[in-house]
Amino acid sequence: MYSMEIDEIDMPHVVVTNIHGCTLATYSGPYANGLAALAVAEAERRADVAAGEAGDVHFSVAPLYPGLDLHELQEQPAARAEPEAGPDCG
């Protein structure tokens, strides 16, 4: 896993924002690489703390892989996931 993360560090990344108790996440980016995304995530965290938030918002980063070819996806069997019930986060 560690070597995979090292290989991914130069890839574009997104910042993922989750709110405690909410099943939805938001994404910002893409940023040029993992370090740039980490800097943005840390700036967001600091702004959240400075605004007096209680730590309910969690920021993380994830590599952004290129999209798949639509024709390849159409040949794959469709996956179906049941929606999760949770708090209204909209």
C-alpha atoms as a PDB file:
ATOM      1  CA  MET A   1       0.000   0.000   0.000  1.00  0.00           C
ATOM      2  CA  TYR A   2       2.801   2.429   0.888  1.00  0.00           C
ATOM      3  CA  SER A   3       4.485   2.064  -2.514  1.00  0.00           C
ATOM      4  CA  MET A   4       1.138   2.677  -4.210  1.00  0.00           C
ATOM      5  CA  GLU A   5       0.718   5.936  -2.271  1.00  0.00           C
ATOM      6  CA  ILE A   6       4.233   7.024  -3.283  1.00  0.00           C
ATOM      7  CA  ASP A   7       3.415   6.298  -6.932  1.00  0.00           C
ATOM      8  CA  GLU A   8       0.184   8.307  -6.617  1.00  0.00           C
ATOM      9  CA  ILE A   9       1.680  11.437  -5.001  1.00  0.00           C
ATOM     10  CA  ASP A  10       2.430  13.117  -8.353  1.00  0.00           C
ATOM     11  CA  MET A  11      -1.046  12.399  -9.722  1.00  0.00           C
ATOM     12  CA  PRO A  12      -3.816  15.010  -9.573  1.00  0.00           C
ATOM     13  CA  HIS A  13      -5.679  14.871  -6.245  1.00  0.00           C
ATOM     14  CA  VAL A  14      -8.973  16.055  -4.811  1.00  0.00           C
ATOM     15  CA  VAL A  15      -9.857  17.210  -1.309  1.00  0.00           C
ATOM     16  CA  VAL A  16     -12.712  15.198   0.185  1.00  0.00           C
ATOM     17  CA  THR A  17     -14.871  16.896   2.827  1.00  0.00           C
ATOM     18  CA  ASN A  18     -17.079  14.852   5.166  1.00  0.00           C
ATOM     19  CA  ILE A  19     -19.350  16.086   7.929  1.00  0.00           C
ATOM     20  CA  HIS A  20     -19.733  13.805  10.956  1.00  0.00           C
ATOM     21  CA  GLY A  21     -23.052  11.968  10.774  1.00  0.00           C
ATOM     22  CA  CYS A  22     -23.615  12.760   7.108  1.00  0.00           C
ATOM     23  CA  THR A  23     -23.287  10.116   4.405  1.00  0.00           C
ATOM     24  CA  LEU A  24     -22.625  12.690   1.676  1.00  0.00           C
ATOM     25  CA  ALA A  25     -19.174  14.002   0.820  1.00  0.00           C
ATOM     26  CA  THR A  26     -18.044  16.973  -1.230  1.00  0.00           C
ATOM     27  CA  TYR A  27     -14.955  17.171  -3.406  1.00  0.00           C
ATOM     28  CA  SER A  28     -12.797  20.067  -4.561  1.00  0.00           C
ATOM     29  CA  GLY A  29     -10.062  20.060  -7.120  1.00  0.00           C
ATOM     30  CA  PRO A  30      -8.362  18.652  -8.963  1.00  0.00           C
ATOM     31  CA  TYR A  31      -5.086  19.919  -7.550  1.00  0.00           C
ATOM     32  CA  ALA A  32      -1.769  19.340  -9.319  1.00  0.00           C
ATOM     33  CA  ASN A  33      -0.544  16.669  -6.892  1.00  0.00           C
ATOM     34  CA  GLY A  34      -1.011  15.179  -3.441  1.00  0.00           C
ATOM     35  CA  LEU A  35       1.060  17.841  -1.688  1.00  0.00           C
ATOM     36  CA  ALA A  36      -1.009  20.683  -3.159  1.00  0.00           C
ATOM     37  CA  ALA A  37      -4.214  18.926  -2.106  1.00  0.00           C
ATOM     38  CA  LEU A  38      -2.833  18.398   1.413  1.00  0.00           C
ATOM     39  CA  ALA A  39      -2.011  22.109   1.664  1.00  0.00           C
ATOM     40  CA  VAL A  40      -5.580  23.009   0.679  1.00  0.00           C
ATOM     41  CA  ALA A  41      -7.042  20.457   3.112  1.00  0.00           C
ATOM     42  CA  GLU A  42      -4.928  21.889   5.938  1.00  0.00           C
ATOM     43  CA  ALA A  43      -5.946  25.460   5.051  1.00  0.00           C
ATOM     44  CA  GLU A  44      -9.604  24.380   5.080  1.00  0.00           C
ATOM     45  CA  ARG A  45      -9.150  22.679   8.462  1.00  0.00           C
ATOM     46  CA  ARG A  46      -7.510  25.776   9.942  1.00  0.00           C
ATOM     47  CA  ALA A  47     -10.275  28.018   8.583  1.00  0.00           C
ATOM     48  CA  ASP A  48     -12.839  25.661  10.109  1.00  0.00           C
ATOM     49  CA  VAL A  49     -11.121  25.806  13.520  1.00  0.00           C
ATOM     50  CA  ALA A  50     -10.739  29.608  13.318  1.00  0.00           C
ATOM     51  CA  ALA A  51     -14.475  29.878  12.632  1.00  0.00           C
ATOM     52  CA  GLY A  52     -15.116  28.083  15.917  1.00  0.00           C
ATOM     53  CA  GLU A  53     -16.258  24.784  14.475  1.00  0.00           C
ATOM     54  CA  ALA A  54     -16.207  21.796  16.816  1.00  0.00           C
ATOM     55  CA  GLY A  55     -14.366  19.412  14.518  1.00  0.00           C
ATOM     56  CA  ASP A  56     -17.442  17.925  12.843  1.00  0.00           C
ATOM     57  CA  VAL A  57     -15.868  18.483   9.418  1.00  0.00           C
ATOM     58  CA  HIS A  58     -13.145  16.074   8.275  1.00  0.00           C
ATOM     59  CA  PHE A  59     -10.838  16.782   5.320  1.00  0.00           C
ATOM     60  CA  SER A  60      -8.865  14.129   3.453  1.00  0.00           C
ATOM     61  CA  VAL A  61      -7.203  13.828   0.057  1.00  0.00           C
ATOM     62  CA  ALA A  62      -7.486  11.208  -2.669  1.00  0.00           C
ATOM     63  CA  PRO A  63      -5.749  10.633  -6.002  1.00  0.00           C
ATOM     64  CA  LEU A  64      -7.832  11.342  -9.080  1.00  0.00           C
ATOM     65  CA  TYR A  65      -7.498   8.632 -11.703  1.00  0.00           C
ATOM     66  CA  PRO A  66      -8.384   9.197 -15.359  1.00  0.00           C
ATOM     67  CA  GLY A  67     -11.953   8.330 -16.283  1.00  0.00           C
ATOM     68  CA  LEU A  68     -12.752   5.025 -17.901  1.00  0.00           C
ATOM     69  CA  ASP A  69     -13.816   4.716 -21.510  1.00  0.00           C
ATOM     70  CA  LEU A  70     -17.626   4.781 -21.700  1.00  0.00           C
ATOM     71  CA  HIS A  71     -17.625   1.856 -24.146  1.00  0.00           C
ATOM     72  CA  GLU A  72     -15.684  -0.268 -21.655  1.00  0.00           C
ATOM     73  CA  LEU A  73     -18.182   0.597 -18.932  1.00  0.00           C
ATOM     74  CA  GLN A  74     -21.157  -0.348 -21.098  1.00  0.00           C
ATOM     75  CA  GLU A  75     -19.694  -3.814 -21.598  1.00  0.00           C
ATOM     76  CA  GLN A  76     -19.438  -4.406 -17.834  1.00  0.00           C
ATOM     77  CA  PRO A  77     -22.401  -5.787 -15.852  1.00  0.00           C
ATOM     78  CA  ALA A  78     -24.125  -2.979 -13.965  1.00  0.00           C
ATOM     79  CA  ALA A  79     -23.553  -2.724 -10.230  1.00  0.00           C
ATOM     80  CA  ARG A  80     -26.442  -1.730  -8.001  1.00  0.00           C
ATOM     81  CA  ALA A  81     -26.197  -0.321  -4.506  1.00  0.00           C
ATOM     82  CA  GLU A  82     -29.134   0.331  -2.231  1.00  0.00           C
ATOM     83  CA  PRO A  83     -29.293   3.912  -0.914  1.00  0.00           C
ATOM     84  CA  GLU A  84     -28.304   4.364   2.703  1.00  0.00           C
ATOM     85  CA  ALA A  85     -30.692   5.953   5.154  1.00  0.00           C
ATOM     86  CA  GLY A  86     -29.118   8.720   7.202  1.00  0.00           C
ATOM     87  CA  PRO A  87     -29.494  12.307   8.309  1.00  0.00           C
ATOM     88  CA  ASP A  88     -30.619  14.910   5.803  1.00  0.00           C
ATOM     89  CA  CYS A  89     -27.366  16.649   4.900  1.00  0.00           C
ATOM     90  CA  GLY A  90     -28.631  18.704   1.979  1.00  0.00           C
END
